[in-house]
Amino acid sequence: MYRVPHGSVLGPLLFLLYINDIENCVRNATVKLFVDDTNLFVHGKSLSEAFDKANDAVNLLQDWFVVNKLSLNEIQKNHVTLYLDVIILLPVLALSN
């Protein structure tokens, strides 16, 4: 296993260089990085479509992690499902002559 000494000045820079291409491995999803957290955002017209996209993206991310000799922290792995079902009622417009 290869490591950068904890507290090293080069540590954050080397980490960013190491994971810089993670966004390119996923399609139909957005990957956002913050410090050492990786967030995956997917959306769909239905919950099942979003679920399928999320599963595909997680599998692609898992492949990327394996190739780059990294692993997911199972304890800190979470997901949140948000959905918006909005019905907008517009007033009937009457055109005057």
N, C-alpha and C. Protein backbone atom coordinates (compact mmCIF):
# COMPACT_ATOMS: atom_id res chain seq x y z
N MET A 1 0.84 -1.16 0.00
CA MET A 1 0.00 0.00 0.00
C MET A 1 0.89 1.24 0.00
N TYR A 2 0.55 2.22 -0.80
CA TYR A 2 1.32 3.45 -0.90
C TYR A 2 0.60 4.56 -0.14
N ARG A 3 1.35 5.33 0.60
CA ARG A 3 0.73 6.39 1.40
C ARG A 3 1.60 7.64 1.39
N VAL A 4 0.92 8.76 1.61
CA VAL A 4 1.61 10.03 1.84
C VAL A 4 1.56 10.24 3.34
N PRO A 5 2.66 10.65 3.95
CA PRO A 5 2.66 10.85 5.40
C PRO A 5 1.54 11.81 5.83
N HIS A 6 0.83 11.43 6.89
CA HIS A 6 -0.26 12.26 7.40
C HIS A 6 0.28 13.61 7.84
N GLY A 7 -0.39 14.67 7.45
CA GLY A 7 0.05 16.02 7.80
C GLY A 7 1.04 16.60 6.81
N SER A 8 1.37 15.86 5.77
CA SER A 8 2.31 16.35 4.77
C SER A 8 1.72 17.52 4.01
N VAL A 9 2.56 18.48 3.66
CA VAL A 9 2.13 19.64 2.87
C VAL A 9 1.71 19.18 1.47
N LEU A 10 2.35 18.16 0.96
CA LEU A 10 2.03 17.66 -0.38
C LEU A 10 0.80 16.77 -0.40
N GLY A 11 0.37 16.30 0.75
CA GLY A 11 -0.75 15.36 0.82
C GLY A 11 -2.00 15.82 0.08
N PRO A 12 -2.54 17.00 0.40
CA PRO A 12 -3.76 17.45 -0.29
C PRO A 12 -3.57 17.62 -1.80
N LEU A 13 -2.44 18.13 -2.22
CA LEU A 13 -2.17 18.32 -3.64
C LEU A 13 -2.07 16.97 -4.36
N LEU A 14 -1.35 16.04 -3.78
CA LEU A 14 -1.22 14.72 -4.40
C LEU A 14 -2.57 14.01 -4.46
N PHE A 15 -3.38 14.18 -3.41
CA PHE A 15 -4.70 13.56 -3.41
C PHE A 15 -5.56 14.13 -4.54
N LEU A 16 -5.55 15.44 -4.70
CA LEU A 16 -6.33 16.07 -5.77
C LEU A 16 -5.86 15.62 -7.14
N LEU A 17 -4.56 15.53 -7.33
CA LEU A 17 -4.04 15.04 -8.61
C LEU A 17 -4.42 13.59 -8.85
N TYR A 18 -4.45 12.83 -7.79
CA TYR A 18 -4.75 11.40 -7.90
C TYR A 18 -6.19 11.16 -8.30
N ILE A 19 -7.12 11.95 -7.76
CA ILE A 19 -8.54 11.70 -8.05
C ILE A 19 -9.12 12.68 -9.06
N ASN A 20 -8.28 13.45 -9.70
CA ASN A 20 -8.73 14.50 -10.62
C ASN A 20 -9.64 13.98 -11.74
N ASP A 21 -9.46 12.77 -12.21
CA ASP A 21 -10.23 12.26 -13.34
C ASP A 21 -11.48 11.47 -12.92
N ILE A 22 -11.82 11.47 -11.65
CA ILE A 22 -12.97 10.68 -11.19
C ILE A 22 -14.27 11.13 -11.86
N GLU A 23 -14.39 12.41 -12.16
CA GLU A 23 -15.61 12.92 -12.80
C GLU A 23 -15.80 12.36 -14.20
N ASN A 24 -14.73 11.95 -14.85
CA ASN A 24 -14.81 11.44 -16.22
C ASN A 24 -15.29 9.99 -16.31
N CYS A 25 -15.32 9.30 -15.20
CA CYS A 25 -15.67 7.88 -15.24
C CYS A 25 -17.17 7.63 -15.17
N VAL A 26 -17.95 8.65 -14.84
CA VAL A 26 -19.39 8.47 -14.64
C VAL A 26 -20.16 9.22 -15.71
N ARG A 27 -21.18 8.55 -16.27
CA ARG A 27 -22.07 9.21 -17.22
C ARG A 27 -23.47 9.24 -16.60
N ASN A 28 -24.29 10.14 -17.05
CA ASN A 28 -25.66 10.30 -16.54
C ASN A 28 -25.71 10.66 -15.06
N ALA A 29 -24.64 11.25 -14.56
CA ALA A 29 -24.61 11.68 -13.16
C ALA A 29 -23.56 12.77 -13.02
N THR A 30 -23.64 13.49 -11.93
CA THR A 30 -22.67 14.55 -11.65
C THR A 30 -21.89 14.16 -10.41
N VAL A 31 -20.58 14.26 -10.50
CA VAL A 31 -19.71 13.97 -9.36
C VAL A 31 -19.17 15.28 -8.83
N LYS A 32 -19.33 15.51 -7.55
CA LYS A 32 -18.81 16.70 -6.88
C LYS A 32 -17.84 16.25 -5.80
N LEU A 33 -16.70 16.90 -5.75
CA LEU A 33 -15.68 16.58 -4.76
C LEU A 33 -15.54 17.73 -3.77
N PHE A 34 -15.41 17.40 -2.51
CA PHE A 34 -15.13 18.39 -1.48
C PHE A 34 -14.17 17.75 -0.49
N VAL A 35 -13.00 18.28 -0.43
CA VAL A 35 -11.91 17.74 0.38
C VAL A 35 -11.75 16.26 0.04
N ASP A 36 -12.07 15.36 0.95
CA ASP A 36 -11.93 13.94 0.64
C ASP A 36 -13.29 13.24 0.53
N ASP A 37 -14.35 14.01 0.34
CA ASP A 37 -15.68 13.46 0.14
C ASP A 37 -16.04 13.48 -1.34
N THR A 38 -16.67 12.43 -1.79
CA THR A 38 -17.15 12.34 -3.17
C THR A 38 -18.66 12.24 -3.12
N ASN A 39 -19.33 13.15 -3.84
CA ASN A 39 -20.79 13.16 -3.88
C ASN A 39 -21.24 12.89 -5.30
N LEU A 40 -22.26 12.08 -5.41
CA LEU A 40 -22.82 11.69 -6.70
C LEU A 40 -24.26 12.18 -6.77
N PHE A 41 -24.58 12.92 -7.82
CA PHE A 41 -25.93 13.44 -7.98
C PHE A 41 -26.53 12.88 -9.26
N VAL A 42 -27.72 12.30 -9.13
CA VAL A 42 -28.45 11.78 -10.28
C VAL A 42 -29.88 12.31 -10.23
N HIS A 43 -30.51 12.33 -11.36
CA HIS A 43 -31.92 12.71 -11.41
C HIS A 43 -32.60 11.92 -12.51
N GLY A 44 -33.89 11.82 -12.40
CA GLY A 44 -34.66 11.11 -13.41
C GLY A 44 -36.10 11.55 -13.39
N LYS A 45 -36.81 11.16 -14.41
CA LYS A 45 -38.22 11.51 -14.50
C LYS A 45 -39.07 10.67 -13.54
N SER A 46 -38.52 9.57 -13.09
CA SER A 46 -39.19 8.74 -12.10
C SER A 46 -38.15 8.26 -11.09
N LEU A 47 -38.65 7.78 -9.98
CA LEU A 47 -37.74 7.28 -8.95
C LEU A 47 -36.96 6.08 -9.45
N SER A 48 -37.61 5.21 -10.22
CA SER A 48 -36.91 4.02 -10.73
C SER A 48 -35.83 4.41 -11.74
N GLU A 49 -36.08 5.44 -12.55
CA GLU A 49 -35.05 5.90 -13.50
C GLU A 49 -33.84 6.46 -12.74
N ALA A 50 -34.10 7.26 -11.71
CA ALA A 50 -33.01 7.82 -10.90
C ALA A 50 -32.26 6.70 -10.18
N PHE A 51 -32.98 5.70 -9.69
CA PHE A 51 -32.36 4.56 -9.01
C PHE A 51 -31.45 3.80 -9.96
N ASP A 52 -31.93 3.55 -11.19
CA ASP A 52 -31.11 2.84 -12.18
C ASP A 52 -29.85 3.63 -12.53
N LYS A 53 -30.01 4.94 -12.71
CA LYS A 53 -28.84 5.79 -13.01
C LYS A 53 -27.86 5.78 -11.85
N ALA A 54 -28.38 5.84 -10.63
CA ALA A 54 -27.50 5.82 -9.46
C ALA A 54 -26.74 4.50 -9.36
N ASN A 55 -27.43 3.38 -9.60
CA ASN A 55 -26.75 2.08 -9.56
C ASN A 55 -25.67 1.99 -10.62
N ASP A 56 -25.97 2.44 -11.84
CA ASP A 56 -24.96 2.43 -12.90
C ASP A 56 -23.76 3.28 -12.52
N ALA A 57 -24.04 4.48 -11.99
CA ALA A 57 -22.95 5.39 -11.62
C ALA A 57 -22.10 4.82 -10.49
N VAL A 58 -22.74 4.22 -9.50
CA VAL A 58 -21.99 3.63 -8.38
C VAL A 58 -21.13 2.48 -8.87
N ASN A 59 -21.64 1.67 -9.78
CA ASN A 59 -20.83 0.58 -10.34
C ASN A 59 -19.64 1.11 -11.11
N LEU A 60 -19.83 2.17 -11.89
CA LEU A 60 -18.71 2.79 -12.61
C LEU A 60 -17.70 3.39 -11.64
N LEU A 61 -18.20 4.03 -10.58
CA LEU A 61 -17.29 4.57 -9.56
C LEU A 61 -16.52 3.45 -8.87
N GLN A 62 -17.19 2.37 -8.57
CA GLN A 62 -16.52 1.23 -7.93
C GLN A 62 -15.40 0.70 -8.83
N ASP A 63 -15.67 0.60 -10.12
CA ASP A 63 -14.62 0.17 -11.06
C ASP A 63 -13.45 1.14 -11.04
N TRP A 64 -13.75 2.45 -11.01
CA TRP A 64 -12.69 3.46 -10.98
C TRP A 64 -11.87 3.31 -9.70
N PHE A 65 -12.55 3.09 -8.56
CA PHE A 65 -11.85 2.92 -7.29
C PHE A 65 -10.92 1.72 -7.34
N VAL A 66 -11.37 0.62 -7.91
CA VAL A 66 -10.55 -0.60 -7.99
C VAL A 66 -9.33 -0.34 -8.86
N VAL A 67 -9.53 0.26 -10.04
CA VAL A 67 -8.42 0.54 -10.94
C VAL A 67 -7.38 1.44 -10.28
N ASN A 68 -7.85 2.39 -9.46
CA ASN A 68 -6.95 3.35 -8.81
C ASN A 68 -6.53 2.91 -7.41
N LYS A 69 -6.79 1.64 -7.10
CA LYS A 69 -6.37 1.04 -5.82
C LYS A 69 -6.91 1.80 -4.61
N LEU A 70 -8.16 2.20 -4.71
CA LEU A 70 -8.86 2.87 -3.61
C LEU A 70 -10.07 2.01 -3.22
N SER A 71 -10.69 2.35 -2.11
CA SER A 71 -11.90 1.63 -1.71
C SER A 71 -12.90 2.60 -1.12
N LEU A 72 -14.17 2.20 -1.18
CA LEU A 72 -15.23 2.99 -0.57
C LEU A 72 -15.30 2.66 0.91
N ASN A 73 -15.54 3.67 1.71
CA ASN A 73 -15.73 3.46 3.13
C ASN A 73 -17.20 3.08 3.34
N GLU A 74 -17.46 1.83 3.58
CA GLU A 74 -18.83 1.33 3.72
C GLU A 74 -19.56 1.98 4.88
N ILE A 75 -18.84 2.36 5.91
CA ILE A 75 -19.48 2.96 7.08
C ILE A 75 -20.01 4.36 6.75
N GLN A 76 -19.29 5.11 5.93
CA GLN A 76 -19.68 6.48 5.63
C GLN A 76 -20.47 6.61 4.34
N LYS A 77 -20.85 5.50 3.73
CA LYS A 77 -21.59 5.54 2.48
C LYS A 77 -23.07 5.77 2.78
N ASN A 78 -23.64 6.83 2.25
CA ASN A 78 -25.04 7.17 2.49
C ASN A 78 -25.71 7.57 1.19
N HIS A 79 -27.01 7.55 1.21
CA HIS A 79 -27.76 8.09 0.08
C HIS A 79 -28.99 8.81 0.61
N VAL A 80 -29.39 9.79 -0.14
CA VAL A 80 -30.58 10.56 0.19
C VAL A 80 -31.43 10.62 -1.06
N THR A 81 -32.70 10.33 -0.91
CA THR A 81 -33.61 10.40 -2.04
C THR A 81 -34.52 11.61 -1.85
N LEU A 82 -34.45 12.51 -2.79
CA LEU A 82 -35.31 13.68 -2.78
C LEU A 82 -36.14 13.65 -4.04
N TYR A 83 -37.38 13.97 -3.92
CA TYR A 83 -38.18 14.06 -5.13
C TYR A 83 -39.18 15.18 -4.97
N LEU A 84 -39.57 15.70 -6.09
CA LEU A 84 -40.48 16.83 -6.12
C LEU A 84 -41.62 16.48 -7.07
N ASP A 85 -42.79 16.46 -6.55
CA ASP A 85 -43.96 16.18 -7.36
C ASP A 85 -44.86 17.40 -7.24
N VAL A 86 -44.79 18.24 -8.22
CA VAL A 86 -45.48 19.52 -8.15
C VAL A 86 -46.56 19.58 -9.22
N ILE A 87 -47.71 19.98 -8.81
CA ILE A 87 -48.79 20.25 -9.75
C ILE A 87 -49.05 21.75 -9.69
N ILE A 88 -48.88 22.39 -10.80
CA ILE A 88 -49.08 23.83 -10.85
C ILE A 88 -50.42 24.11 -11.52
N LEU A 89 -51.29 24.78 -10.80
CA LEU A 89 -52.58 25.17 -11.37
C LEU A 89 -52.50 26.62 -11.84
N LEU A 90 -52.66 26.81 -13.10
CA LEU A 90 -52.61 28.15 -13.66
C LEU A 90 -54.03 28.68 -13.83
N PRO A 91 -54.25 29.96 -13.59
CA PRO A 91 -55.58 30.52 -13.79
C PRO A 91 -55.93 30.49 -15.26
N VAL A 92 -57.21 30.37 -15.54
CA VAL A 92 -57.68 30.39 -16.92
C VAL A 92 -57.62 31.83 -17.40
N LEU A 93 -56.98 32.03 -18.52
CA LEU A 93 -56.86 33.38 -19.07
C LEU A 93 -57.97 33.62 -20.08
N ALA A 94 -58.57 34.77 -19.99
CA ALA A 94 -59.61 35.15 -20.94
C ALA A 94 -59.09 36.30 -21.78
N LEU A 95 -59.11 36.11 -23.05
CA LEU A 95 -58.65 37.16 -23.95
C LEU A 95 -59.82 38.08 -24.30
N SER A 96 -59.61 39.35 -24.19
CA SER A 96 -60.67 40.29 -24.55
C SER A 96 -60.43 40.79 -25.97
N ASN A 97 -61.53 41.05 -26.70
CA ASN A 97 -61.42 41.53 -28.09
C ASN A 97 -61.24 42.99 -28.14
